[in-house]
Protein backbone atom coordinates (compact mmCIF):
# COMPACT_ATOMS: atom_id res chain seq x y z
CA MET A 1 130.55 68.06 94.91
CA PRO A 2 127.07 67.41 96.49
CA GLY A 3 125.18 63.92 96.23
CA PHE A 4 121.80 64.08 94.88
CA ALA A 5 120.50 63.59 98.32
CA GLU A 6 122.04 66.63 99.45
CA ILE A 7 120.82 68.43 96.46
CA ALA A 8 117.27 67.29 97.30
CA LEU A 9 117.39 68.00 100.78
CA GLY A 10 119.06 71.44 100.12
CA ALA A 11 115.95 72.25 97.36
CA ALA A 12 113.00 71.61 100.09
CA PRO A 13 112.90 75.22 101.19
CA VAL A 14 112.78 76.41 97.63
CA ALA A 15 110.16 73.63 96.51
CA GLY A 16 108.12 74.46 99.89
CA GLY A 17 108.20 78.18 98.56
CA ALA A 18 106.83 77.02 95.02
CA LEU A 19 104.15 74.83 96.64
CA LEU A 20 103.20 77.39 98.82
CA GLY A 21 103.05 79.65 95.89
CA ILE A 22 100.91 77.37 93.74
CA ALA A 23 98.19 76.77 96.76
CA ALA A 24 98.07 80.37 97.11
CA GLY A 25 97.23 80.41 93.30
CA ASN A 26 94.74 77.92 93.49
CA LEU A 27 92.76 79.55 96.76
CA ARG A 28 89.35 80.47 95.46
CA GLY A 29 86.81 82.91 97.03
CA PRO A 30 83.30 81.54 97.77
CA ASP A 31 80.94 81.44 94.99
CA PHE A 32 78.62 84.36 95.23
CA ARG A 33 76.44 83.07 92.03
CA ALA A 34 75.55 80.00 93.64
CA MET A 35 74.74 81.12 97.10
CA ILE A 36 72.57 84.00 95.59
CA ALA A 37 70.72 81.13 93.39
CA LYS A 38 70.24 78.84 96.60
CA ASP A 39 69.12 82.14 98.13
CA LEU A 40 66.59 82.87 95.40
CA ASP A 41 65.12 79.12 95.36
CA LEU A 42 65.04 79.59 99.46
CA LEU A 43 63.02 82.91 98.79
CA GLU A 44 60.43 80.96 96.62
CA ARG A 45 60.13 78.50 99.29
CA ILE A 46 59.27 80.71 102.59
CA PRO A 47 55.61 80.88 102.85
CA GLU A 48 53.59 84.25 101.93
CA ASP A 49 52.42 84.49 105.59
CA ARG A 50 56.14 85.42 106.46
CA PRO A 51 56.69 88.64 104.37
CA GLU A 52 59.09 90.14 107.04
CA LEU A 53 61.70 86.86 106.48
CA LYS A 54 61.06 87.58 102.84
CA GLU A 55 62.21 91.05 102.80
CA ARG A 56 65.06 90.50 104.91
CA LEU A 57 66.28 87.57 102.90
CA ARG A 58 65.41 89.36 99.34
CA ALA A 59 67.96 92.40 101.11
CA SER A 60 70.57 89.98 101.53
CA ILE A 61 70.39 88.69 98.49
CA ASP A 62 70.40 92.53 96.56
CA GLN A 63 73.48 93.29 99.11
CA ARG A 64 75.29 89.98 97.63
CA ILE A 65 74.40 90.96 94.02
CA ASP A 66 75.94 94.39 94.87
CA ASP A 67 79.04 92.59 96.06
CA LEU A 68 79.47 90.48 92.93
CA ILE A 69 78.88 93.64 90.74
CA THR A 70 81.60 95.67 92.87
CA THR A 71 83.92 92.45 92.90
CA THR A 72 83.78 92.18 89.04
CA GLU A 73 84.35 95.81 88.36
CA LYS A 74 87.51 96.05 90.77
CA SER A 75 88.59 92.77 89.31
CA ARG A 76 88.07 94.16 85.75
CA GLU A 77 90.42 97.28 86.91
CA LEU A 78 92.97 95.30 88.29
CA ARG A 79 93.69 93.03 84.95
CA SER A 80 93.40 96.28 83.11
CA ALA A 81 96.04 97.60 85.08
CA ALA A 82 98.27 94.66 85.14
CA MET A 83 97.88 94.36 81.31
CA SER A 84 99.06 97.61 80.76
CA TYR A 85 102.37 97.84 82.89
CA GLU A 86 105.06 98.38 80.76
CA GLY A 87 107.79 98.57 83.36
CA ASN A 88 109.54 101.44 85.38
CA TRP A 89 112.48 101.85 87.39
CA ARG A 90 111.53 99.53 90.17
CA ASP A 91 112.14 96.71 87.48
CA ILE A 92 115.89 97.93 87.73
CA VAL A 93 116.10 98.09 91.04
CA VAL A 94 115.26 94.66 91.12
CA PHE A 95 117.59 93.39 88.64
CA ILE A 96 120.32 95.06 90.60
CA CYS A 97 119.15 93.59 93.78
CA ALA A 98 119.10 89.99 92.48
CA ILE A 99 122.62 90.37 91.18
CA LEU A 100 123.89 91.71 94.82
CA PHE A 101 122.34 88.76 96.40
CA THR A 102 123.82 86.56 93.78
CA ILE A 103 127.00 87.41 94.80
CA VAL A 104 126.39 87.43 98.28
CA TRP A 105 125.28 84.20 98.28
CA TRP A 106 128.21 83.24 95.89
CA ASN A 107 130.53 83.99 99.26
CA VAL A 108 128.15 81.75 101.29
CA SER A 109 129.97 78.55 102.46
CA HIS A 110 129.77 76.14 99.46
CA ASP A 111 129.49 73.37 101.94
CA ARG A 112 125.86 74.32 102.86
CA THR A 113 123.21 71.63 101.97
CA ASN A 114 121.24 73.87 99.64
CA TRP A 115 123.97 76.04 98.34
CA LEU A 116 123.80 74.86 94.73
CA VAL A 117 119.71 74.77 94.48
CA MET A 118 119.46 78.47 95.76
CA PHE A 119 122.24 79.57 93.44
CA VAL A 120 120.76 77.95 90.34
CA VAL A 121 117.27 79.52 91.72
CA MET A 122 119.30 83.18 92.06
CA ILE A 123 120.77 83.00 88.43
CA VAL A 124 117.14 82.33 86.95
CA ALA A 125 115.82 84.99 89.38
CA THR A 126 118.66 87.66 88.04
CA VAL A 127 117.71 86.69 84.21
CA VAL A 128 114.25 87.17 84.57
CA ALA A 129 114.74 90.38 86.25
CA GLY A 130 117.03 91.47 83.82
CA ILE A 131 114.75 91.00 81.16
CA TYR A 132 111.93 92.84 82.57
CA ALA A 133 114.33 95.64 83.45
CA ALA A 134 115.96 95.38 79.55
CA ARG A 135 112.16 95.24 78.63
CA GLY A 136 111.43 98.40 80.17
CA VAL A 137 114.35 100.43 79.40
CA ILE A 138 113.95 99.45 75.71
CA ARG A 139 110.50 100.81 75.68
CA SER A 140 112.10 104.09 77.28
CA LEU A 141 114.32 104.56 74.94
CA ARG A 142 111.78 103.85 71.99
CA THR A 143 109.76 106.59 73.58
CA LEU A 144 112.49 108.71 73.63
CA SER A 145 113.32 108.47 70.45
CA ARG A 146 109.66 109.22 69.18
CA GLY A 147 109.48 112.10 71.11
CA ARG A 148 113.11 113.28 69.49
CA SER A 149 111.99 112.90 66.05
CA GLN A 150 108.87 114.62 66.31
């Protein structure tokens, strides 16, 4: 049975992947609203004797506002698509692949330092994939039974 130090060392790749996922989730794009507000303030400060400069800055502000509206619309579309997801055959394929990879990992040498941690992660991933696959199958069966009863 591996000791705590070996388990901690074996968990390093899994923890690194989790930290990378957390960091990717916390990345933020530029704040268009703040940039637009600063540009509008700058627009007011430009002297009236520089109309070409004011017009170019106004065009830049208009373009940023258009980008902001487009980004908001796309974000809303993606959010509605994600919320309407009900599962399909890919969930079953992911579940089967998770089972197969767990079986393959079981046959890897148990003396590896990360074997136990990775095996536990694979068990958890298989259970999560199984829940999603079961949810999709149950919804499909409900839809099928409603269609036959009508």
